């Protein structure tokens, strides 16, 4: 399969025209391989990720996070330079679908909404006047039947395989309307609660923001990593099903949570 065909399939889901103005979604490294038979999908373009993908024989690598958000010369001994060196040596391509993927409410970002069976899904922050129900940041939706908070928490913990979270505010007795934004999306908490959410899930909470939203509703910081890691895993599975008839194999390259909780 040629690269143009693969990029076209990626951009059906993650259209770079809808990416944030500050973002660099799209092709980051032009490779030399012409006939693509193996694709590696991962959250981060780290040296470890790229090495694993290349060792797997991947000629094309798709990540969520970009190599850089600002054009930079590869003149330092850092992850950016090492990643470029590995890709050039292997002749592999690197495509980064960042906010172009985040804003498609009907794409892989909706995986958690699907786990909860949310109905009437829509963006917390729409970005398109022509398509306000499917293009925007964050997702908010309604459960078919409201559940107790303990039921909600049990499903969240089992889905993310986590037993502890950072939380803000008083927990509700029941949950009917859920909102979330993968990554560092806590800035959308105000809007989520104004739309009626009982709980808001995201990552990277900051102290002063926590003070601001404490009285608005119940927020859960699950960390930047896990929601996006599982989003990319789901996308890899979707791409594998779509591309296997073309003789292309898609591999998910597991990432690593850099933040640890140490018990003493």
C-alpha atoms as a PDB file:
ATOM      1  CA  UNK A   1       0.000   0.000   0.000  1.00  0.00           C
ATOM      2  CA  UNK A   2       1.423   3.401  -0.838  1.00  0.00           C
ATOM      3  CA  UNK A   3       1.834   6.228   1.668  1.00  0.00           C
ATOM      4  CA  UNK A   4      -0.696   8.564   0.042  1.00  0.00           C
ATOM      5  CA  UNK A   5      -3.396   5.931   0.492  1.00  0.00           C
ATOM      6  CA  UNK A   6      -2.467   5.421   4.145  1.00  0.00           C
ATOM      7  CA  UNK A   7      -2.428   9.158   4.853  1.00  0.00           C
ATOM      8  CA  UNK A   8      -5.823   9.506   3.192  1.00  0.00           C
ATOM      9  CA  UNK A   9      -7.277   6.821   5.493  1.00  0.00           C
ATOM     10  CA  UNK A  10      -5.733   8.493   8.560  1.00  0.00           C
ATOM     11  CA  UNK A  11      -7.101  11.890   7.576  1.00  0.00           C
ATOM     12  CA  UNK A  12     -10.607  10.527   7.094  1.00  0.00           C
ATOM     13  CA  UNK A  13     -10.557  10.239  10.884  1.00  0.00           C
ATOM     14  CA  UNK A  14      -8.058  12.969  11.818  1.00  0.00           C
ATOM     15  CA  UNK A  15      -8.512  15.807   9.332  1.00  0.00           C
ATOM     16  CA  UNK A  16      -5.623  18.285   9.778  1.00  0.00           C
ATOM     17  CA  UNK A  17      -7.883  21.144   8.615  1.00  0.00           C
ATOM     18  CA  UNK A  18      -9.551  21.000  12.043  1.00  0.00           C
ATOM     19  CA  UNK A  19      -6.333  20.896  14.087  1.00  0.00           C
ATOM     20  CA  UNK A  20      -5.672  23.734  16.535  1.00  0.00           C
ATOM     21  CA  UNK A  21      -3.754  26.688  15.098  1.00  0.00           C
ATOM     22  CA  UNK A  22      -0.802  26.080  17.454  1.00  0.00           C
ATOM     23  CA  UNK A  23      -0.542  22.394  16.567  1.00  0.00           C
ATOM     24  CA  UNK A  24       1.576  20.510  14.041  1.00  0.00           C
ATOM     25  CA  UNK A  25      -0.672  17.613  13.040  1.00  0.00           C
ATOM     26  CA  UNK A  26       0.357  15.878   9.839  1.00  0.00           C
ATOM     27  CA  UNK A  27       3.448  14.343   8.268  1.00  0.00           C
ATOM     28  CA  UNK A  28       6.538  14.962  10.410  1.00  0.00           C
ATOM     29  CA  UNK A  29       9.169  12.827   8.708  1.00  0.00           C
ATOM     30  CA  UNK A  30       9.185  11.856   5.046  1.00  0.00           C
ATOM     31  CA  UNK A  31      10.540   8.351   4.652  1.00  0.00           C
ATOM     32  CA  UNK A  32      11.954   6.439   1.706  1.00  0.00           C
ATOM     33  CA  UNK A  33       9.860   3.255   1.871  1.00  0.00           C
ATOM     34  CA  UNK A  34       7.399   3.098  -1.029  1.00  0.00           C
ATOM     35  CA  UNK A  35       5.390  -0.061  -0.336  1.00  0.00           C
ATOM     36  CA  UNK A  36       4.032  -0.066   3.223  1.00  0.00           C
ATOM     37  CA  UNK A  37       3.216  -3.451   4.745  1.00  0.00           C
ATOM     38  CA  UNK A  38       3.614  -2.719   8.467  1.00  0.00           C
ATOM     39  CA  UNK A  39       2.390   0.287  10.442  1.00  0.00           C
ATOM     40  CA  UNK A  40       3.245   1.055  14.059  1.00  0.00           C
ATOM     41  CA  UNK A  41       0.728   3.050  16.132  1.00  0.00           C
ATOM     42  CA  UNK A  42       1.690   4.653  19.444  1.00  0.00           C
ATOM     43  CA  UNK A  43       0.940   7.562  21.738  1.00  0.00           C
ATOM     44  CA  UNK A  44       4.397   9.162  21.846  1.00  0.00           C
ATOM     45  CA  UNK A  45       7.251   9.406  19.326  1.00  0.00           C
ATOM     46  CA  UNK A  46       9.926   8.549  21.876  1.00  0.00           C
ATOM     47  CA  UNK A  47      13.183   6.825  20.981  1.00  0.00           C
ATOM     48  CA  UNK A  48      11.910   3.686  22.708  1.00  0.00           C
ATOM     49  CA  UNK A  49       8.669   3.710  20.702  1.00  0.00           C
ATOM     50  CA  UNK A  50      10.414   4.329  17.393  1.00  0.00           C
ATOM     51  CA  UNK A  51      12.966   1.584  18.082  1.00  0.00           C
ATOM     52  CA  UNK A  52      10.225  -0.922  18.889  1.00  0.00           C
ATOM     53  CA  UNK A  53       8.310  -0.024  15.734  1.00  0.00           C
ATOM     54  CA  UNK A  54      11.405  -0.280  13.536  1.00  0.00           C
ATOM     55  CA  UNK A  55      12.391  -3.591  15.159  1.00  0.00           C
ATOM     56  CA  UNK A  56       8.887  -4.812  14.311  1.00  0.00           C
ATOM     57  CA  UNK A  57       9.623  -3.924  10.679  1.00  0.00           C
ATOM     58  CA  UNK A  58       7.260  -0.963  10.493  1.00  0.00           C
ATOM     59  CA  UNK A  59       7.873   1.299   7.504  1.00  0.00           C
ATOM     60  CA  UNK A  60       5.254   3.838   8.655  1.00  0.00           C
ATOM     61  CA  UNK A  61       4.672   5.065  12.209  1.00  0.00           C
ATOM     62  CA  UNK A  62       1.578   6.912  13.439  1.00  0.00           C
ATOM     63  CA  UNK A  63       1.639   8.699  16.797  1.00  0.00           C
ATOM     64  CA  UNK A  64      -0.728  11.030  18.601  1.00  0.00           C
ATOM     65  CA  UNK A  65       1.788  13.417  20.129  1.00  0.00           C
ATOM     66  CA  UNK A  66       4.016  15.316  17.697  1.00  0.00           C
ATOM     67  CA  UNK A  67       7.801  15.261  17.648  1.00  0.00           C
ATOM     68  CA  UNK A  68       7.777  19.000  18.298  1.00  0.00           C
ATOM     69  CA  UNK A  69       5.293  21.870  18.367  1.00  0.00           C
ATOM     70  CA  UNK A  70       7.811  24.335  16.993  1.00  0.00           C
ATOM     71  CA  UNK A  71      10.080  23.872  13.979  1.00  0.00           C
ATOM     72  CA  UNK A  72      13.541  23.097  15.292  1.00  0.00           C
ATOM     73  CA  UNK A  73      16.991  22.265  13.979  1.00  0.00           C
ATOM     74  CA  UNK A  74      18.221  18.799  15.048  1.00  0.00           C
ATOM     75  CA  UNK A  75      21.294  20.349  16.648  1.00  0.00           C
ATOM     76  CA  UNK A  76      20.895  19.042  20.214  1.00  0.00           C
ATOM     77  CA  UNK A  77      21.349  15.630  21.750  1.00  0.00           C
ATOM     78  CA  UNK A  78      17.709  15.174  22.729  1.00  0.00           C
ATOM     79  CA  UNK A  79      14.731  12.927  21.939  1.00  0.00           C
ATOM     80  CA  UNK A  80      13.851  14.951  18.826  1.00  0.00           C
ATOM     81  CA  UNK A  81      17.281  14.515  17.248  1.00  0.00           C
ATOM     82  CA  UNK A  82      17.502  10.831  18.222  1.00  0.00           C
ATOM     83  CA  UNK A  83      14.057  10.102  16.765  1.00  0.00           C
ATOM     84  CA  UNK A  84      14.934  11.808  13.485  1.00  0.00           C
ATOM     85  CA  UNK A  85      18.197   9.878  13.303  1.00  0.00           C
ATOM     86  CA  UNK A  86      16.412   6.549  13.813  1.00  0.00           C
ATOM     87  CA  UNK A  87      13.733   7.313  11.239  1.00  0.00           C
ATOM     88  CA  UNK A  88      16.160   8.537   8.584  1.00  0.00           C
ATOM     89  CA  UNK A  89      18.383   5.505   9.077  1.00  0.00           C
ATOM     90  CA  UNK A  90      15.412   3.148   8.679  1.00  0.00           C
ATOM     91  CA  UNK A  91      13.829   5.146   5.852  1.00  0.00           C
ATOM     92  CA  UNK A  92      10.560   5.104   7.833  1.00  0.00           C
ATOM     93  CA  UNK A  93       7.730   7.645   7.761  1.00  0.00           C
ATOM     94  CA  UNK A  94       6.283   9.408  10.807  1.00  0.00           C
ATOM     95  CA  UNK A  95       2.794  10.909  10.877  1.00  0.00           C
ATOM     96  CA  UNK A  96       1.424  12.685  13.966  1.00  0.00           C
ATOM     97  CA  UNK A  97      -2.341  13.070  14.421  1.00  0.00           C
ATOM     98  CA  UNK A  98      -2.653  15.300  17.473  1.00  0.00           C
ATOM     99  CA  UNK A  99      -5.508  17.801  17.840  1.00  0.00           C
ATOM    100  CA  UNK A 100      -6.730  16.719  14.401  1.00  0.00           C
ATOM    101  CA  UNK A 101      -7.720  13.460  16.126  1.00  0.00           C
ATOM    102  CA  UNK A 102      -8.869  15.058  19.393  1.00  0.00           C
ATOM    103  CA  UNK A 103     -11.584  17.134  17.730  1.00  0.00           C
ATOM    104  CA  UNK A 104     -13.402  14.285  15.963  1.00  0.00           C
ATOM    105  CA  UNK A 105     -16.103  13.319  18.465  1.00  0.00           C
ATOM    106  CA  UNK A 106     -17.118  10.364  16.279  1.00  0.00           C
ATOM    107  CA  UNK A 107     -13.538   9.061  16.060  1.00  0.00           C
ATOM    108  CA  UNK A 108     -11.294   7.069  18.441  1.00  0.00           C
ATOM    109  CA  UNK A 109     -11.529   9.799  21.085  1.00  0.00           C
ATOM    110  CA  UNK A 110     -15.077   8.583  21.787  1.00  0.00           C
ATOM    111  CA  UNK A 111     -13.883   5.182  23.038  1.00  0.00           C
ATOM    112  CA  UNK A 112     -14.589   6.015  26.700  1.00  0.00           C
ATOM    113  CA  UNK A 113     -18.031   7.398  25.827  1.00  0.00           C
ATOM    114  CA  UNK A 114     -18.730   4.090  24.104  1.00  0.00           C
ATOM    115  CA  UNK A 115     -17.644   2.122  27.188  1.00  0.00           C
ATOM    116  CA  UNK A 116     -20.200   4.045  29.259  1.00  0.00           C
ATOM    117  CA  UNK A 117     -22.786   3.901  26.478  1.00  0.00           C
ATOM    118  CA  UNK A 118     -23.196   7.675  26.376  1.00  0.00           C
ATOM    119  CA  UNK A 119     -25.990   8.983  24.187  1.00  0.00           C
ATOM    120  CA  UNK A 120     -26.405  12.400  22.532  1.00  0.00           C
ATOM    121  CA  UNK A 121     -22.626  12.840  22.403  1.00  0.00           C
ATOM    122  CA  UNK A 122     -21.357  16.275  21.474  1.00  0.00           C
ATOM    123  CA  UNK A 123     -18.213  18.376  21.949  1.00  0.00           C
ATOM    124  CA  UNK A 124     -17.790  20.345  25.141  1.00  0.00           C
ATOM    125  CA  UNK A 125     -16.197  23.093  23.065  1.00  0.00           C
ATOM    126  CA  UNK A 126     -17.394  23.030  19.418  1.00  0.00           C
ATOM    127  CA  UNK A 127     -15.009  24.436  16.809  1.00  0.00           C
ATOM    128  CA  UNK A 128     -17.121  24.256  13.637  1.00  0.00           C
ATOM    129  CA  UNK A 129     -20.267  26.280  12.945  1.00  0.00           C
ATOM    130  CA  UNK A 130     -21.123  23.845  10.147  1.00  0.00           C
ATOM    131  CA  UNK A 131     -20.583  20.731  12.263  1.00  0.00           C
ATOM    132  CA  UNK A 132     -21.050  21.712  15.934  1.00  0.00           C
ATOM    133  CA  UNK A 133     -22.147  18.231  17.063  1.00  0.00           C
ATOM    134  CA  UNK A 134     -19.112  16.283  15.894  1.00  0.00           C
ATOM    135  CA  UNK A 135     -16.159  18.681  15.696  1.00  0.00           C
ATOM    136  CA  UNK A 136     -14.706  20.100  18.879  1.00  0.00           C
ATOM    137  CA  UNK A 137     -12.703  19.469  22.035  1.00  0.00           C
ATOM    138  CA  UNK A 138     -13.912  17.158  24.780  1.00  0.00           C
ATOM    139  CA  UNK A 139     -17.024  14.972  24.848  1.00  0.00           C
ATOM    140  CA  UNK A 140     -20.184  15.191  26.916  1.00  0.00           C
ATOM    141  CA  UNK A 141     -23.048  12.716  26.842  1.00  0.00           C
ATOM    142  CA  UNK A 142     -25.921  11.204  28.800  1.00  0.00           C
ATOM    143  CA  UNK A 143     -26.266   7.714  30.236  1.00  0.00           C
ATOM    144  CA  UNK A 144     -29.349   5.802  29.131  1.00  0.00           C
ATOM    145  CA  UNK A 145     -30.088   5.194  32.821  1.00  0.00           C
ATOM    146  CA  UNK A 146     -28.494   7.083  35.666  1.00  0.00           C
ATOM    147  CA  UNK A 147     -26.228   5.043  37.922  1.00  0.00           C
ATOM    148  CA  UNK A 148     -24.887   5.389  41.444  1.00  0.00           C
ATOM    149  CA  UNK A 149     -21.524   7.044  41.876  1.00  0.00           C
ATOM    150  CA  UNK A 150     -20.041   3.769  43.118  1.00  0.00           C
ATOM    151  CA  UNK A 151     -21.188   2.022  39.900  1.00  0.00           C
ATOM    152  CA  UNK A 152     -19.634   4.790  37.831  1.00  0.00           C
ATOM    153  CA  UNK A 153     -16.349   4.618  39.736  1.00  0.00           C
ATOM    154  CA  UNK A 154     -16.183   0.829  39.520  1.00  0.00           C
ATOM    155  CA  UNK A 155     -16.561   0.907  35.734  1.00  0.00           C
ATOM    156  CA  UNK A 156     -14.012   3.710  35.377  1.00  0.00           C
ATOM    157  CA  UNK A 157     -11.441   1.890  37.527  1.00  0.00           C
ATOM    158  CA  UNK A 158     -11.855  -1.411  35.689  1.00  0.00           C
ATOM    159  CA  UNK A 159     -11.714   0.305  32.278  1.00  0.00           C
ATOM    160  CA  UNK A 160      -8.528   2.223  33.041  1.00  0.00           C
ATOM    161  CA  UNK A 161      -7.069  -0.509  35.269  1.00  0.00           C
ATOM    162  CA  UNK A 162      -6.405   2.071  37.967  1.00  0.00           C
ATOM    163  CA  UNK A 163      -7.273   2.127  41.652  1.00  0.00           C
ATOM    164  CA  UNK A 164      -6.420   5.716  42.533  1.00  0.00           C
ATOM    165  CA  UNK A 165      -7.048   9.155  41.018  1.00  0.00           C
ATOM    166  CA  UNK A 166      -6.697  12.800  41.954  1.00  0.00           C
ATOM    167  CA  UNK A 167     -10.154  14.234  42.613  1.00  0.00           C
ATOM    168  CA  UNK A 168     -11.648  17.686  43.087  1.00  0.00           C
ATOM    169  CA  UNK A 169     -15.015  18.569  44.608  1.00  0.00           C
ATOM    170  CA  UNK A 170     -17.779  16.603  46.276  1.00  0.00           C
ATOM    171  CA  UNK A 171     -18.805  13.340  44.671  1.00  0.00           C
ATOM    172  CA  UNK A 172     -22.416  13.185  43.458  1.00  0.00           C
ATOM    173  CA  UNK A 173     -24.877  10.578  44.672  1.00  0.00           C
ATOM    174  CA  UNK A 174     -25.840   9.630  41.118  1.00  0.00           C
ATOM    175  CA  UNK A 175     -24.237  10.070  37.707  1.00  0.00           C
ATOM    176  CA  UNK A 176     -26.262  10.716  34.574  1.00  0.00           C
ATOM    177  CA  UNK A 177     -24.223  13.180  32.505  1.00  0.00           C
ATOM    178  CA  UNK A 178     -20.503  12.523  31.964  1.00  0.00           C
ATOM    179  CA  UNK A 179     -17.887  14.730  30.317  1.00  0.00           C
ATOM    180  CA  UNK A 180     -14.233  14.104  29.607  1.00  0.00           C
ATOM    181  CA  UNK A 181     -11.279  15.377  27.616  1.00  0.00           C
ATOM    182  CA  UNK A 182      -8.149  13.228  27.129  1.00  0.00           C
ATOM    183  CA  UNK A 183      -4.717  14.667  27.858  1.00  0.00           C
ATOM    184  CA  UNK A 184      -4.387  18.051  29.509  1.00  0.00           C
ATOM    185  CA  UNK A 185      -8.038  19.014  29.067  1.00  0.00           C
ATOM    186  CA  UNK A 186      -8.889  20.244  32.561  1.00  0.00           C
ATOM    187  CA  UNK A 187      -9.408  23.777  31.213  1.00  0.00           C
ATOM    188  CA  UNK A 188     -12.734  22.508  29.828  1.00  0.00           C
ATOM    189  CA  UNK A 189     -14.089  21.692  33.295  1.00  0.00           C
ATOM    190  CA  UNK A 190     -15.913  25.033  33.647  1.00  0.00           C
ATOM    191  CA  UNK A 191     -17.737  24.502  30.350  1.00  0.00           C
ATOM    192  CA  UNK A 192     -18.491  20.841  31.106  1.00  0.00           C
ATOM    193  CA  UNK A 193     -20.189  21.698  34.384  1.00  0.00           C
ATOM    194  CA  UNK A 194     -22.105  24.567  32.791  1.00  0.00           C
ATOM    195  CA  UNK A 195     -23.509  21.972  30.358  1.00  0.00           C
ATOM    196  CA  UNK A 196     -24.792  19.903  33.258  1.00  0.00           C
ATOM    197  CA  UNK A 197     -22.098  17.250  33.754  1.00  0.00           C
ATOM    198  CA  UNK A 198     -21.991  15.643  37.202  1.00  0.00           C
ATOM    199  CA  UNK A 199     -18.444  14.395  36.634  1.00  0.00           C
ATOM    200  CA  UNK A 200     -15.596  15.575  34.442  1.00  0.00           C
ATOM    201  CA  UNK A 201     -12.595  13.360  33.631  1.00  0.00           C
ATOM    202  CA  UNK A 202      -9.242  14.566  32.303  1.00  0.00           C
ATOM    203  CA  UNK A 203      -5.604  14.986  33.336  1.00  0.00           C
ATOM    204  CA  UNK A 204      -2.883  17.438  34.345  1.00  0.00           C
ATOM    205  CA  UNK A 205      -4.862  19.375  36.959  1.00  0.00           C
ATOM    206  CA  UNK A 206      -3.166  22.484  38.360  1.00  0.00           C
ATOM    207  CA  UNK A 207      -3.582  23.831  41.863  1.00  0.00           C
ATOM    208  CA  UNK A 208      -5.295  27.155  41.141  1.00  0.00           C
ATOM    209  CA  UNK A 209      -7.605  25.612  38.563  1.00  0.00           C
ATOM    210  CA  UNK A 210      -8.570  22.988  41.150  1.00  0.00           C
ATOM    211  CA  UNK A 211      -9.552  25.812  43.488  1.00  0.00           C
ATOM    212  CA  UNK A 212     -11.696  27.389  40.764  1.00  0.00           C
ATOM    213  CA  UNK A 213     -13.638  24.254  39.836  1.00  0.00           C
ATOM    214  CA  UNK A 214     -13.925  22.676  43.291  1.00  0.00           C
ATOM    215  CA  UNK A 215     -17.414  24.064  43.896  1.00  0.00           C
ATOM    216  CA  UNK A 216     -18.698  23.413  40.361  1.00  0.00           C
ATOM    217  CA  UNK A 217     -18.810  19.610  40.324  1.00  0.00           C
ATOM    218  CA  UNK A 218     -16.755  16.463  40.694  1.00  0.00           C
ATOM    219  CA  UNK A 219     -13.540  16.292  38.644  1.00  0.00           C
ATOM    220  CA  UNK A 220     -11.242  13.303  38.254  1.00  0.00           C
ATOM    221  CA  UNK A 221      -7.636  13.667  37.115  1.00  0.00           C
ATOM    222  CA  UNK A 222      -6.647  10.276  35.699  1.00  0.00           C
ATOM    223  CA  UNK A 223      -3.357  11.619  34.339  1.00  0.00           C
ATOM    224  CA  UNK A 224      -2.389  12.702  30.849  1.00  0.00           C
ATOM    225  CA  UNK A 225      -1.306   9.256  29.717  1.00  0.00           C
ATOM    226  CA  UNK A 226      -3.984   6.604  30.118  1.00  0.00           C
ATOM    227  CA  UNK A 227      -6.978   8.016  28.201  1.00  0.00           C
ATOM    228  CA  UNK A 228      -4.828   8.784  25.164  1.00  0.00           C
ATOM    229  CA  UNK A 229      -2.889   5.527  25.370  1.00  0.00           C
ATOM    230  CA  UNK A 230      -6.126   3.555  25.193  1.00  0.00           C
ATOM    231  CA  UNK A 231      -7.462   5.870  22.481  1.00  0.00           C
ATOM    232  CA  UNK A 232      -4.478   5.024  20.277  1.00  0.00           C
ATOM    233  CA  UNK A 233      -4.812   1.322  21.083  1.00  0.00           C
ATOM    234  CA  UNK A 234      -8.416   1.449  19.900  1.00  0.00           C
ATOM    235  CA  UNK A 235      -7.424   3.314  16.744  1.00  0.00           C
ATOM    236  CA  UNK A 236      -4.711   0.745  16.012  1.00  0.00           C
ATOM    237  CA  UNK A 237      -7.313  -2.030  16.234  1.00  0.00           C
ATOM    238  CA  UNK A 238      -9.665  -0.103  13.930  1.00  0.00           C
ATOM    239  CA  UNK A 239      -6.916   0.525  11.389  1.00  0.00           C
ATOM    240  CA  UNK A 240      -5.811  -3.104  11.479  1.00  0.00           C
ATOM    241  CA  UNK A 241      -9.330  -4.284  10.610  1.00  0.00           C
ATOM    242  CA  UNK A 242      -9.582  -1.738   7.803  1.00  0.00           C
ATOM    243  CA  UNK A 243      -6.147  -2.383   6.281  1.00  0.00           C
ATOM    244  CA  UNK A 244      -5.727  -6.132   6.645  1.00  0.00           C
ATOM    245  CA  UNK A 245      -7.533  -6.735   3.327  1.00  0.00           C
ATOM    246  CA  UNK A 246      -4.793  -4.626   1.683  1.00  0.00           C
ATOM    247  CA  UNK A 247      -2.080  -6.858   3.128  1.00  0.00           C
ATOM    248  CA  UNK A 248      -1.069  -4.246   5.719  1.00  0.00           C
ATOM    249  CA  UNK A 249      -0.484  -5.229   9.369  1.00  0.00           C
ATOM    250  CA  UNK A 250      -0.960  -2.624  12.109  1.00  0.00           C
ATOM    251  CA  UNK A 251       0.916  -3.003  15.403  1.00  0.00           C
ATOM    252  CA  UNK A 252       0.141  -1.113  18.601  1.00  0.00           C
ATOM    253  CA  UNK A 253       3.330  -0.068  20.381  1.00  0.00           C
ATOM    254  CA  UNK A 254       2.609   0.249  24.105  1.00  0.00           C
ATOM    255  CA  UNK A 255       3.760   3.422  25.802  1.00  0.00           C
ATOM    256  CA  UNK A 256       4.949   4.061  29.338  1.00  0.00           C
ATOM    257  CA  UNK A 257       3.411   6.196  32.063  1.00  0.00           C
ATOM    258  CA  UNK A 258       6.265   8.477  33.173  1.00  0.00           C
ATOM    259  CA  UNK A 259       4.571   9.487  36.439  1.00  0.00           C
ATOM    260  CA  UNK A 260       4.616   7.003  39.314  1.00  0.00           C
ATOM    261  CA  UNK A 261       2.833   6.946  42.680  1.00  0.00           C
ATOM    262  CA  UNK A 262       5.211   5.686  45.335  1.00  0.00           C
ATOM    263  CA  UNK A 263       3.893   4.164  48.515  1.00  0.00           C
ATOM    264  CA  UNK A 264       6.175   4.626  51.533  1.00  0.00           C
END
